[in-house]
């Protein structure tokens, strides 16, 4: 295996940061990335999550051990691998953002691909086939926020919820999400405007 290829793989993994999940397809521009990934698993740099999917583990300083895989990143890695469009269902979106604090045993994503299920540790990751014509966004954060808000409902929208979404949404994505969700109407659009403002009133 070429050392230069392994270095390119490592640089790309480190560039995405801890928690990123990926498959060999994410390195499709390189020659035989599978060999480099296998070597990085053996060295403990990355780990194999499920067949064909790896991650760069997050690390808990408190527990002094690697944390469980980020299910959302695993779902995105599978979607890239198979060429699916996906969005989390409402309950999963609320949990991803942290609005729901209940630890789920199952994450559900809607997809234009086939129905599939994966077991990741104690968590089940399900993909359910659905028509996504009106739910697709270029940035996955947009879909997560829209689905979370619709599931939460206007009556339960508080300043605290707005702040939670802001804390979850990276600063560099806020203007992109605001622009991309401009076609969403009503209170959901207004809530996203509040999320992406420089200062949240109240």
N, C-alpha and C. Protein backbone atom coordinates (compact mmCIF):
# COMPACT_ATOMS: atom_id res chain seq x y z
N UNK A 1 0.84 -1.21 0.00
CA UNK A 1 0.00 0.00 0.00
C UNK A 1 0.87 1.25 0.00
N UNK A 2 0.53 2.21 -0.84
CA UNK A 2 1.28 3.45 -0.91
C UNK A 2 1.09 4.27 0.36
N UNK A 3 2.23 4.70 0.94
CA UNK A 3 2.16 5.53 2.15
C UNK A 3 1.47 6.86 1.86
N UNK A 4 1.63 7.35 0.63
CA UNK A 4 1.00 8.63 0.27
C UNK A 4 -0.51 8.52 0.28
N UNK A 5 -1.04 7.35 -0.12
CA UNK A 5 -2.49 7.15 -0.11
C UNK A 5 -2.99 7.11 1.33
N UNK A 6 -2.26 6.40 2.19
CA UNK A 6 -2.67 6.35 3.59
C UNK A 6 -2.64 7.75 4.21
N UNK A 7 -1.65 8.53 3.87
CA UNK A 7 -1.56 9.89 4.40
C UNK A 7 -2.73 10.74 3.92
N UNK A 8 -3.14 10.55 2.67
CA UNK A 8 -4.29 11.29 2.14
C UNK A 8 -5.58 10.88 2.84
N UNK A 9 -5.71 9.58 3.12
CA UNK A 9 -6.89 9.10 3.84
C UNK A 9 -6.93 9.68 5.25
N UNK A 10 -5.79 9.63 5.94
CA UNK A 10 -5.72 10.16 7.31
C UNK A 10 -6.03 11.65 7.32
N UNK A 11 -5.46 12.40 6.36
CA UNK A 11 -5.70 13.84 6.31
C UNK A 11 -7.17 14.15 6.12
N UNK A 12 -7.85 13.37 5.28
CA UNK A 12 -9.28 13.60 5.02
C UNK A 12 -10.10 13.26 6.26
N UNK A 13 -9.76 12.18 6.93
CA UNK A 13 -10.47 11.79 8.14
C UNK A 13 -10.29 12.85 9.22
N UNK A 14 -9.05 13.27 9.46
CA UNK A 14 -8.79 14.29 10.46
C UNK A 14 -9.46 15.61 10.11
N UNK A 15 -9.53 15.91 8.82
CA UNK A 15 -10.15 17.15 8.38
C UNK A 15 -11.62 17.24 8.72
N UNK A 16 -12.29 16.11 8.73
CA UNK A 16 -13.72 16.08 9.07
C UNK A 16 -13.93 16.08 10.58
N UNK A 17 -12.93 15.67 11.32
CA UNK A 17 -13.03 15.70 12.78
C UNK A 17 -13.65 14.45 13.38
N UNK A 18 -13.54 14.36 14.70
CA UNK A 18 -14.05 13.19 15.42
C UNK A 18 -15.58 13.09 15.29
N UNK A 19 -16.02 11.85 15.17
CA UNK A 19 -17.45 11.58 15.00
C UNK A 19 -17.83 11.31 13.57
N UNK A 20 -16.96 11.72 12.61
CA UNK A 20 -17.28 11.52 11.20
C UNK A 20 -17.31 10.04 10.86
N UNK A 21 -18.33 9.62 10.14
CA UNK A 21 -18.44 8.24 9.66
C UNK A 21 -18.31 8.24 8.14
N UNK A 22 -17.80 7.17 7.60
CA UNK A 22 -17.47 7.16 6.17
C UNK A 22 -17.36 5.73 5.65
N UNK A 23 -17.32 5.62 4.34
CA UNK A 23 -17.12 4.34 3.67
C UNK A 23 -16.01 4.50 2.65
N UNK A 24 -15.51 3.42 2.06
CA UNK A 24 -14.48 3.55 1.03
C UNK A 24 -14.90 4.45 -0.12
N UNK A 25 -16.21 4.57 -0.35
CA UNK A 25 -16.67 5.41 -1.45
C UNK A 25 -16.31 6.88 -1.23
N UNK A 26 -16.15 7.30 0.02
CA UNK A 26 -15.76 8.68 0.31
C UNK A 26 -14.31 8.95 -0.08
N UNK A 27 -13.59 7.90 -0.47
CA UNK A 27 -12.21 8.03 -0.92
C UNK A 27 -12.07 7.46 -2.33
N UNK A 28 -13.14 7.55 -3.09
CA UNK A 28 -13.19 6.95 -4.41
C UNK A 28 -12.18 7.51 -5.40
N UNK A 29 -11.64 8.69 -5.11
CA UNK A 29 -10.63 9.29 -5.99
C UNK A 29 -9.24 8.73 -5.73
N UNK A 30 -9.11 7.90 -4.70
CA UNK A 30 -7.82 7.30 -4.35
C UNK A 30 -7.77 5.85 -4.81
N UNK A 31 -6.57 5.31 -4.97
CA UNK A 31 -6.40 3.93 -5.40
C UNK A 31 -6.43 3.00 -4.19
N UNK A 32 -7.34 2.03 -4.22
CA UNK A 32 -7.46 1.01 -3.17
C UNK A 32 -7.50 1.61 -1.76
N UNK A 33 -8.46 2.47 -1.48
CA UNK A 33 -8.54 3.05 -0.13
C UNK A 33 -8.86 2.01 0.94
N UNK A 34 -9.45 0.88 0.53
CA UNK A 34 -9.78 -0.17 1.50
C UNK A 34 -8.55 -0.64 2.26
N UNK A 35 -7.41 -0.73 1.56
CA UNK A 35 -6.18 -1.16 2.23
C UNK A 35 -5.76 -0.17 3.31
N UNK A 36 -5.87 1.13 2.98
CA UNK A 36 -5.51 2.16 3.95
C UNK A 36 -6.45 2.13 5.14
N UNK A 37 -7.74 1.96 4.90
CA UNK A 37 -8.72 1.91 5.98
C UNK A 37 -8.48 0.70 6.88
N UNK A 38 -8.16 -0.43 6.26
CA UNK A 38 -7.89 -1.63 7.05
C UNK A 38 -6.69 -1.41 7.97
N UNK A 39 -5.65 -0.76 7.45
CA UNK A 39 -4.47 -0.48 8.27
C UNK A 39 -4.77 0.48 9.40
N UNK A 40 -5.63 1.47 9.15
CA UNK A 40 -5.98 2.44 10.18
C UNK A 40 -6.85 1.82 11.27
N UNK A 41 -7.66 0.83 10.90
CA UNK A 41 -8.43 0.10 11.90
C UNK A 41 -7.48 -0.70 12.79
N UNK A 42 -6.52 -1.35 12.17
CA UNK A 42 -5.56 -2.17 12.93
C UNK A 42 -4.72 -1.31 13.88
N UNK A 43 -4.44 -0.08 13.48
CA UNK A 43 -3.63 0.81 14.33
C UNK A 43 -4.47 1.50 15.40
N UNK A 44 -5.81 1.39 15.30
CA UNK A 44 -6.69 2.00 16.29
C UNK A 44 -7.04 3.45 16.00
N UNK A 45 -6.63 3.95 14.83
CA UNK A 45 -6.93 5.33 14.46
C UNK A 45 -8.41 5.50 14.16
N UNK A 46 -8.99 4.55 13.44
CA UNK A 46 -10.42 4.54 13.13
C UNK A 46 -10.98 3.20 13.58
N UNK A 47 -12.30 3.05 13.52
CA UNK A 47 -12.89 1.76 13.86
C UNK A 47 -13.95 1.38 12.83
N UNK A 48 -14.20 0.12 12.74
CA UNK A 48 -15.24 -0.40 11.87
C UNK A 48 -16.55 -0.40 12.65
N UNK A 49 -17.55 0.32 12.15
CA UNK A 49 -18.84 0.43 12.84
C UNK A 49 -19.75 -0.72 12.46
N UNK A 50 -19.97 -0.88 11.16
CA UNK A 50 -20.68 -2.01 10.58
C UNK A 50 -19.96 -2.34 9.28
N UNK A 51 -20.37 -3.35 8.61
CA UNK A 51 -19.70 -3.75 7.37
C UNK A 51 -19.68 -2.59 6.37
N UNK A 52 -18.48 -2.20 5.97
CA UNK A 52 -18.33 -1.15 4.97
C UNK A 52 -18.42 0.27 5.48
N UNK A 53 -18.65 0.45 6.78
CA UNK A 53 -18.75 1.79 7.37
C UNK A 53 -17.79 1.90 8.55
N UNK A 54 -17.05 3.00 8.57
CA UNK A 54 -16.06 3.25 9.62
C UNK A 54 -16.34 4.62 10.26
N UNK A 55 -15.69 4.88 11.39
CA UNK A 55 -15.76 6.23 11.94
C UNK A 55 -14.45 6.59 12.63
N UNK A 56 -14.29 7.91 12.84
CA UNK A 56 -13.16 8.44 13.60
C UNK A 56 -13.75 8.74 14.97
N UNK A 57 -13.55 7.86 15.94
CA UNK A 57 -14.33 7.90 17.18
C UNK A 57 -14.16 9.19 17.98
N UNK A 58 -15.29 9.65 18.52
CA UNK A 58 -15.24 10.69 19.53
C UNK A 58 -14.68 10.06 20.80
N UNK A 59 -14.07 10.87 21.65
CA UNK A 59 -13.43 10.33 22.86
C UNK A 59 -13.95 11.05 24.09
N UNK A 60 -14.32 10.28 25.09
CA UNK A 60 -14.81 10.84 26.36
C UNK A 60 -13.64 10.99 27.33
N UNK A 61 -13.31 12.24 27.65
CA UNK A 61 -12.26 12.48 28.62
C UNK A 61 -12.70 12.02 30.01
N UNK A 62 -14.01 12.13 30.27
CA UNK A 62 -14.54 11.73 31.58
C UNK A 62 -14.41 10.23 31.79
N UNK A 63 -14.79 9.46 30.76
CA UNK A 63 -14.77 8.01 30.87
C UNK A 63 -13.45 7.41 30.41
N UNK A 64 -12.62 8.27 29.77
CA UNK A 64 -11.33 7.81 29.25
C UNK A 64 -11.49 6.63 28.30
N UNK A 65 -12.45 6.79 27.37
CA UNK A 65 -12.67 5.74 26.38
C UNK A 65 -13.44 6.31 25.19
N UNK A 66 -13.38 5.62 24.05
CA UNK A 66 -14.13 6.08 22.87
C UNK A 66 -15.63 6.08 23.14
N UNK A 67 -16.32 7.04 22.55
CA UNK A 67 -17.78 7.12 22.69
C UNK A 67 -18.45 6.28 21.61
N UNK A 68 -19.74 6.05 21.77
CA UNK A 68 -20.51 5.30 20.77
C UNK A 68 -20.53 6.07 19.45
N UNK A 69 -20.69 5.37 18.34
CA UNK A 69 -20.75 6.06 17.04
C UNK A 69 -21.87 7.08 16.99
N UNK A 70 -21.64 8.16 16.25
CA UNK A 70 -22.67 9.17 16.01
C UNK A 70 -23.62 8.61 14.96
N UNK A 71 -24.83 8.29 15.37
CA UNK A 71 -25.78 7.62 14.49
C UNK A 71 -26.11 8.47 13.26
N UNK A 72 -26.21 9.77 13.46
CA UNK A 72 -26.52 10.64 12.32
C UNK A 72 -25.42 10.58 11.26
N UNK A 73 -24.17 10.60 11.71
CA UNK A 73 -23.06 10.51 10.76
C UNK A 73 -23.04 9.15 10.07
N UNK A 74 -23.39 8.10 10.80
CA UNK A 74 -23.46 6.77 10.19
C UNK A 74 -24.56 6.74 9.13
N UNK A 75 -25.71 7.33 9.43
CA UNK A 75 -26.80 7.39 8.46
C UNK A 75 -26.37 8.15 7.21
N UNK A 76 -25.68 9.27 7.39
CA UNK A 76 -25.21 10.05 6.24
C UNK A 76 -24.19 9.28 5.43
N UNK A 77 -23.32 8.53 6.11
CA UNK A 77 -22.31 7.73 5.40
C UNK A 77 -22.98 6.65 4.54
N UNK A 78 -24.00 6.00 5.09
CA UNK A 78 -24.74 5.00 4.32
C UNK A 78 -25.44 5.64 3.13
N UNK A 79 -26.01 6.82 3.34
CA UNK A 79 -26.71 7.51 2.26
C UNK A 79 -25.73 7.86 1.13
N UNK A 80 -24.55 8.34 1.48
CA UNK A 80 -23.55 8.64 0.44
C UNK A 80 -23.09 7.37 -0.28
N UNK A 81 -22.92 6.32 0.49
CA UNK A 81 -22.44 5.06 -0.09
C UNK A 81 -23.41 4.51 -1.13
N UNK A 82 -24.71 4.57 -0.83
CA UNK A 82 -25.70 3.98 -1.72
C UNK A 82 -26.40 4.99 -2.63
N UNK A 83 -26.07 6.27 -2.47
CA UNK A 83 -26.68 7.28 -3.32
C UNK A 83 -28.11 7.60 -2.96
N UNK A 84 -28.44 7.51 -1.67
CA UNK A 84 -29.80 7.82 -1.20
C UNK A 84 -29.91 9.28 -0.78
N UNK A 85 -31.12 9.80 -0.85
CA UNK A 85 -31.47 11.03 -0.14
C UNK A 85 -32.17 10.58 1.14
N UNK A 86 -31.83 11.21 2.26
CA UNK A 86 -32.45 10.83 3.53
C UNK A 86 -32.79 12.06 4.35
N UNK A 87 -33.79 11.92 5.20
CA UNK A 87 -34.10 12.92 6.23
C UNK A 87 -34.57 12.16 7.46
N UNK A 88 -34.22 12.62 8.67
CA UNK A 88 -34.70 11.92 9.87
C UNK A 88 -36.19 12.16 10.06
N UNK A 89 -36.87 11.17 10.61
CA UNK A 89 -38.27 11.43 10.94
C UNK A 89 -38.31 12.39 12.12
N UNK A 90 -39.49 12.86 12.46
CA UNK A 90 -39.61 13.93 13.45
C UNK A 90 -39.01 13.62 14.79
N UNK A 91 -39.30 12.43 15.33
CA UNK A 91 -38.80 12.07 16.65
C UNK A 91 -37.27 11.99 16.65
N UNK A 92 -36.70 11.44 15.59
CA UNK A 92 -35.24 11.34 15.49
C UNK A 92 -34.61 12.72 15.36
N UNK A 93 -35.27 13.62 14.62
CA UNK A 93 -34.75 14.98 14.46
C UNK A 93 -34.72 15.70 15.80
N UNK A 94 -35.76 15.56 16.60
CA UNK A 94 -35.80 16.19 17.93
C UNK A 94 -34.67 15.67 18.80
N UNK A 95 -34.38 14.38 18.70
CA UNK A 95 -33.32 13.80 19.52
C UNK A 95 -31.95 14.24 19.05
N UNK A 96 -31.75 14.33 17.74
CA UNK A 96 -30.47 14.75 17.19
C UNK A 96 -30.11 16.16 17.67
N UNK A 97 -31.09 17.04 17.70
CA UNK A 97 -30.84 18.42 18.11
C UNK A 97 -30.69 18.52 19.63
N UNK A 98 -31.30 17.59 20.35
CA UNK A 98 -31.22 17.62 21.81
C UNK A 98 -32.47 18.19 22.46
N UNK A 99 -33.49 18.45 21.66
CA UNK A 99 -34.76 18.94 22.21
C UNK A 99 -35.42 17.83 23.02
N UNK A 100 -35.33 16.61 22.52
CA UNK A 100 -35.80 15.45 23.27
C UNK A 100 -34.59 14.83 23.96
N UNK A 101 -34.68 14.64 25.26
CA UNK A 101 -33.55 14.10 26.02
C UNK A 101 -33.67 12.61 26.26
N UNK A 102 -34.75 12.02 25.78
CA UNK A 102 -34.93 10.58 25.95
C UNK A 102 -33.94 9.84 25.08
N UNK A 103 -33.23 8.88 25.64
CA UNK A 103 -32.25 8.11 24.89
C UNK A 103 -33.00 7.09 24.03
N UNK A 104 -32.93 7.24 22.71
CA UNK A 104 -33.71 6.35 21.85
C UNK A 104 -33.00 5.02 21.60
N UNK A 105 -33.77 3.98 21.45
CA UNK A 105 -33.20 2.70 21.05
C UNK A 105 -33.26 2.54 19.55
N UNK A 106 -33.89 3.53 18.90
CA UNK A 106 -34.09 3.44 17.46
C UNK A 106 -34.07 4.82 16.83
N UNK A 107 -33.37 4.94 15.72
CA UNK A 107 -33.40 6.15 14.90
C UNK A 107 -34.02 5.78 13.56
N UNK A 108 -34.94 6.60 13.09
CA UNK A 108 -35.63 6.32 11.83
C UNK A 108 -35.37 7.45 10.84
N UNK A 109 -34.99 7.07 9.63
CA UNK A 109 -34.77 8.02 8.54
C UNK A 109 -35.67 7.65 7.37
N UNK A 110 -36.25 8.67 6.76
CA UNK A 110 -37.01 8.48 5.54
C UNK A 110 -36.04 8.56 4.37
N UNK A 111 -36.24 7.73 3.36
CA UNK A 111 -35.31 7.68 2.26
C UNK A 111 -36.02 7.37 0.94
N UNK A 112 -35.41 7.81 -0.16
CA UNK A 112 -35.92 7.43 -1.46
C UNK A 112 -35.34 6.09 -1.90
N UNK A 113 -34.52 5.50 -1.02
CA UNK A 113 -33.96 4.18 -1.27
C UNK A 113 -34.82 3.09 -0.66
N UNK A 114 -34.29 1.88 -0.59
CA UNK A 114 -35.07 0.76 -0.06
C UNK A 114 -35.18 0.78 1.45
N UNK A 115 -36.11 -0.01 1.95
CA UNK A 115 -36.26 -0.17 3.39
C UNK A 115 -35.12 -1.05 3.91
N UNK A 116 -34.39 -0.55 4.90
CA UNK A 116 -33.28 -1.32 5.46
C UNK A 116 -33.15 -1.03 6.95
N UNK A 117 -32.49 -1.94 7.66
CA UNK A 117 -32.29 -1.78 9.09
C UNK A 117 -30.88 -2.24 9.46
N UNK A 118 -30.25 -1.51 10.37
CA UNK A 118 -28.90 -1.84 10.83
C UNK A 118 -28.86 -1.79 12.34
N UNK A 119 -28.07 -2.66 12.93
CA UNK A 119 -27.88 -2.68 14.37
C UNK A 119 -26.50 -2.11 14.67
N UNK A 120 -26.45 -1.02 15.44
CA UNK A 120 -25.20 -0.37 15.81
C UNK A 120 -25.12 -0.36 17.33
N UNK A 121 -24.40 -1.31 17.88
CA UNK A 121 -24.39 -1.47 19.33
C UNK A 121 -25.79 -1.83 19.81
N UNK A 122 -26.33 -1.01 20.71
CA UNK A 122 -27.67 -1.25 21.22
C UNK A 122 -28.74 -0.45 20.47
N UNK A 123 -28.30 0.28 19.43
CA UNK A 123 -29.22 1.16 18.71
C UNK A 123 -29.57 0.58 17.34
N UNK A 124 -30.85 0.68 16.99
CA UNK A 124 -31.30 0.25 15.67
C UNK A 124 -31.43 1.48 14.77
N UNK A 125 -30.84 1.40 13.60
CA UNK A 125 -30.94 2.46 12.60
C UNK A 125 -31.81 1.96 11.46
N UNK A 126 -32.98 2.58 11.28
CA UNK A 126 -33.94 2.14 10.27
C UNK A 126 -34.07 3.16 9.16
N UNK A 127 -34.17 2.66 7.93
CA UNK A 127 -34.48 3.50 6.78
C UNK A 127 -35.82 3.03 6.22
N UNK A 128 -36.74 3.98 6.10
CA UNK A 128 -38.07 3.68 5.56
C UNK A 128 -38.27 4.42 4.25
N UNK A 129 -38.72 3.71 3.25
CA UNK A 129 -38.91 4.31 1.93
C UNK A 129 -40.06 5.32 1.98
N UNK A 130 -39.84 6.47 1.37
CA UNK A 130 -40.86 7.52 1.33
C UNK A 130 -40.58 8.44 0.15
N UNK A 131 -41.62 9.15 -0.28
CA UNK A 131 -41.46 10.16 -1.33
C UNK A 131 -40.88 11.42 -0.68
N UNK A 132 -39.70 11.84 -1.11
CA UNK A 132 -39.02 12.95 -0.46
C UNK A 132 -39.03 14.23 -1.29
N UNK A 133 -39.86 14.29 -2.29
CA UNK A 133 -39.84 15.43 -3.21
C UNK A 133 -39.89 16.78 -2.49
N UNK A 134 -40.74 16.90 -1.49
CA UNK A 134 -40.91 18.18 -0.79
C UNK A 134 -40.09 18.27 0.49
N UNK A 135 -39.22 17.29 0.71
CA UNK A 135 -38.47 17.26 1.96
C UNK A 135 -36.97 17.32 1.75
N UNK A 136 -36.51 17.33 0.50
CA UNK A 136 -35.08 17.28 0.23
C UNK A 136 -34.44 18.66 0.34
N UNK A 137 -33.29 18.69 0.99
CA UNK A 137 -32.51 19.92 1.11
C UNK A 137 -31.05 19.59 0.80
N UNK A 138 -30.35 20.57 0.33
CA UNK A 138 -28.94 20.36 0.01
C UNK A 138 -28.11 20.13 1.27
N UNK A 139 -28.44 20.87 2.33
CA UNK A 139 -27.73 20.74 3.60
C UNK A 139 -28.59 19.92 4.55
N UNK A 140 -28.04 18.84 5.08
CA UNK A 140 -28.86 17.94 5.89
C UNK A 140 -29.38 18.61 7.15
N UNK A 141 -28.67 19.65 7.63
CA UNK A 141 -29.14 20.37 8.82
C UNK A 141 -30.51 21.00 8.58
N UNK A 142 -30.76 21.42 7.35
CA UNK A 142 -32.06 22.04 7.03
C UNK A 142 -33.19 21.05 7.24
N UNK A 143 -33.03 19.84 6.75
CA UNK A 143 -34.06 18.82 6.90
C UNK A 143 -34.28 18.45 8.35
N UNK A 144 -33.19 18.36 9.11
CA UNK A 144 -33.31 18.01 10.53
C UNK A 144 -34.12 19.07 11.26
N UNK A 145 -33.82 20.34 11.02
CA UNK A 145 -34.49 21.43 11.73
C UNK A 145 -35.96 21.52 11.33
N UNK A 146 -36.25 21.44 10.04
CA UNK A 146 -37.64 21.54 9.58
C UNK A 146 -38.48 20.41 10.17
N UNK A 147 -37.98 19.20 10.14
CA UNK A 147 -38.73 18.06 10.67
C UNK A 147 -38.89 18.16 12.18
N UNK A 148 -37.85 18.63 12.85
CA UNK A 148 -37.95 18.78 14.30
C UNK A 148 -39.01 19.80 14.67
N UNK A 149 -39.02 20.94 14.00
CA UNK A 149 -39.99 21.99 14.31
C UNK A 149 -41.42 21.54 14.02
N UNK A 150 -41.63 20.88 12.90
CA UNK A 150 -42.98 20.43 12.54
C UNK A 150 -43.48 19.41 13.55
N UNK A 151 -42.59 18.57 14.02
CA UNK A 151 -42.99 17.56 15.01
C UNK A 151 -43.25 18.18 16.37
N UNK A 152 -42.42 19.16 16.73
CA UNK A 152 -42.59 19.83 18.01
C UNK A 152 -43.91 20.58 18.08
N UNK A 153 -44.22 21.33 17.01
CA UNK A 153 -45.44 22.12 16.97
C UNK A 153 -45.24 23.54 17.47
N UNK A 154 -45.98 24.46 16.91
CA UNK A 154 -45.83 25.88 17.25
C UNK A 154 -46.10 26.16 18.72
N UNK A 155 -47.05 25.44 19.31
CA UNK A 155 -47.43 25.70 20.71
C UNK A 155 -46.30 25.39 21.68
N UNK A 156 -45.38 24.53 21.30
CA UNK A 156 -44.28 24.13 22.19
C UNK A 156 -42.97 24.85 21.84
N UNK A 157 -43.03 25.79 20.91
CA UNK A 157 -41.83 26.52 20.51
C UNK A 157 -41.54 27.63 21.51
N UNK A 158 -40.41 27.54 22.18
CA UNK A 158 -40.03 28.53 23.18
C UNK A 158 -38.67 29.13 22.83
N UNK A 159 -38.30 30.18 23.54
CA UNK A 159 -36.97 30.76 23.34
C UNK A 159 -35.87 29.75 23.65
N UNK A 160 -36.15 28.89 24.63
CA UNK A 160 -35.17 27.85 24.99
C UNK A 160 -34.96 26.88 23.83
N UNK A 161 -36.04 26.51 23.15
CA UNK A 161 -35.93 25.61 22.00
C UNK A 161 -35.16 26.28 20.87
N UNK A 162 -35.46 27.56 20.62
CA UNK A 162 -34.74 28.31 19.59
C UNK A 162 -33.25 28.30 19.89
N UNK A 163 -32.89 28.51 21.15
CA UNK A 163 -31.48 28.54 21.53
C UNK A 163 -30.84 27.15 21.39
N UNK A 164 -31.58 26.11 21.70
CA UNK A 164 -31.05 24.75 21.55
C UNK A 164 -30.72 24.47 20.09
N UNK A 165 -31.60 24.90 19.20
CA UNK A 165 -31.36 24.67 17.77
C UNK A 165 -30.16 25.48 17.31
N UNK A 166 -30.07 26.72 17.80
CA UNK A 166 -28.90 27.56 17.45
C UNK A 166 -27.60 26.91 17.92
N UNK A 167 -27.60 26.37 19.12
CA UNK A 167 -26.40 25.73 19.65
C UNK A 167 -26.00 24.51 18.83
N UNK A 168 -27.00 23.83 18.29
CA UNK A 168 -26.73 22.61 17.49
C UNK A 168 -26.25 22.97 16.08
N UNK A 169 -26.77 24.05 15.53
CA UNK A 169 -26.48 24.42 14.14
C UNK A 169 -25.16 25.18 14.06
N UNK A 170 -24.16 24.65 13.33
CA UNK A 170 -22.88 25.36 13.21
C UNK A 170 -23.06 26.77 12.65
N UNK A 171 -22.28 27.69 13.16
CA UNK A 171 -22.39 29.09 12.75
C UNK A 171 -22.26 29.24 11.24
N UNK A 172 -21.33 28.49 10.66
CA UNK A 172 -21.07 28.63 9.22
C UNK A 172 -22.21 28.10 8.35
N UNK A 173 -23.16 27.37 8.98
CA UNK A 173 -24.29 26.82 8.21
C UNK A 173 -25.55 27.67 8.35
N UNK A 174 -25.56 28.65 9.24
CA UNK A 174 -26.81 29.35 9.55
C UNK A 174 -27.38 30.13 8.37
N UNK A 175 -26.54 30.87 7.66
CA UNK A 175 -27.04 31.63 6.52
C UNK A 175 -27.49 30.70 5.40
N UNK A 176 -26.81 29.56 5.24
CA UNK A 176 -27.16 28.60 4.19
C UNK A 176 -28.50 27.95 4.49
N UNK A 177 -28.72 27.60 5.75
CA UNK A 177 -29.99 26.98 6.14
C UNK A 177 -31.12 27.99 5.99
N UNK A 178 -30.87 29.22 6.39
CA UNK A 178 -31.91 30.26 6.27
C UNK A 178 -32.32 30.45 4.81
N UNK A 179 -31.34 30.51 3.93
CA UNK A 179 -31.63 30.70 2.51
C UNK A 179 -32.34 29.49 1.91
N UNK A 180 -31.85 28.30 2.28
CA UNK A 180 -32.39 27.08 1.69
C UNK A 180 -33.82 26.78 2.12
N UNK A 181 -34.19 27.21 3.32
CA UNK A 181 -35.53 26.93 3.83
C UNK A 181 -36.50 28.08 3.58
N UNK A 182 -36.13 28.99 2.72
CA UNK A 182 -36.99 30.16 2.46
C UNK A 182 -38.35 29.75 1.87
N UNK A 183 -38.41 28.60 1.22
CA UNK A 183 -39.68 28.15 0.63
C UNK A 183 -40.61 27.51 1.67
N UNK A 184 -40.07 27.23 2.86
CA UNK A 184 -40.92 26.72 3.94
C UNK A 184 -41.76 27.88 4.46
N UNK A 185 -43.04 27.69 4.58
CA UNK A 185 -43.93 28.79 4.92
C UNK A 185 -44.38 28.76 6.38
N UNK A 186 -45.02 29.85 6.79
CA UNK A 186 -45.67 29.92 8.09
C UNK A 186 -44.71 30.02 9.25
N UNK A 187 -45.16 29.52 10.39
CA UNK A 187 -44.42 29.68 11.63
C UNK A 187 -43.07 28.98 11.61
N UNK A 188 -42.95 27.89 10.82
CA UNK A 188 -41.67 27.17 10.74
C UNK A 188 -40.60 28.07 10.13
N UNK A 189 -40.97 28.80 9.09
CA UNK A 189 -40.03 29.72 8.46
C UNK A 189 -39.64 30.83 9.43
N UNK A 190 -40.62 31.36 10.16
CA UNK A 190 -40.34 32.41 11.14
C UNK A 190 -39.41 31.90 12.23
N UNK A 191 -39.62 30.65 12.67
CA UNK A 191 -38.77 30.07 13.70
C UNK A 191 -37.33 29.91 13.21
N UNK A 192 -37.17 29.51 11.95
CA UNK A 192 -35.83 29.35 11.39
C UNK A 192 -35.14 30.71 11.28
N UNK A 193 -35.89 31.75 10.96
CA UNK A 193 -35.33 33.10 10.93
C UNK A 193 -34.81 33.48 12.33
N UNK A 194 -35.56 33.13 13.36
CA UNK A 194 -35.12 33.42 14.72
C UNK A 194 -33.85 32.64 15.07
N UNK A 195 -33.81 31.39 14.63
CA UNK A 195 -32.64 30.55 14.89
C UNK A 195 -31.38 31.13 14.25
N UNK A 196 -31.53 31.66 13.04
CA UNK A 196 -30.36 32.10 12.28
C UNK A 196 -30.04 33.57 12.44
N UNK A 197 -30.80 34.29 13.27
CA UNK A 197 -30.46 35.67 13.58
C UNK A 197 -29.22 35.72 14.44
N UNK A 198 -28.55 36.87 14.42
CA UNK A 198 -27.33 37.02 15.23
C UNK A 198 -27.65 36.96 16.72
N UNK A 199 -28.82 37.50 17.10
CA UNK A 199 -29.23 37.52 18.51
C UNK A 199 -30.67 37.05 18.59
N UNK A 200 -30.95 36.16 19.52
CA UNK A 200 -32.32 35.70 19.74
C UNK A 200 -32.98 36.61 20.76
N UNK A 201 -34.10 37.18 20.38
CA UNK A 201 -34.81 38.07 21.30
C UNK A 201 -35.31 37.28 22.51
N UNK A 202 -35.40 37.96 23.62
CA UNK A 202 -35.97 37.34 24.80
C UNK A 202 -34.93 36.69 25.66
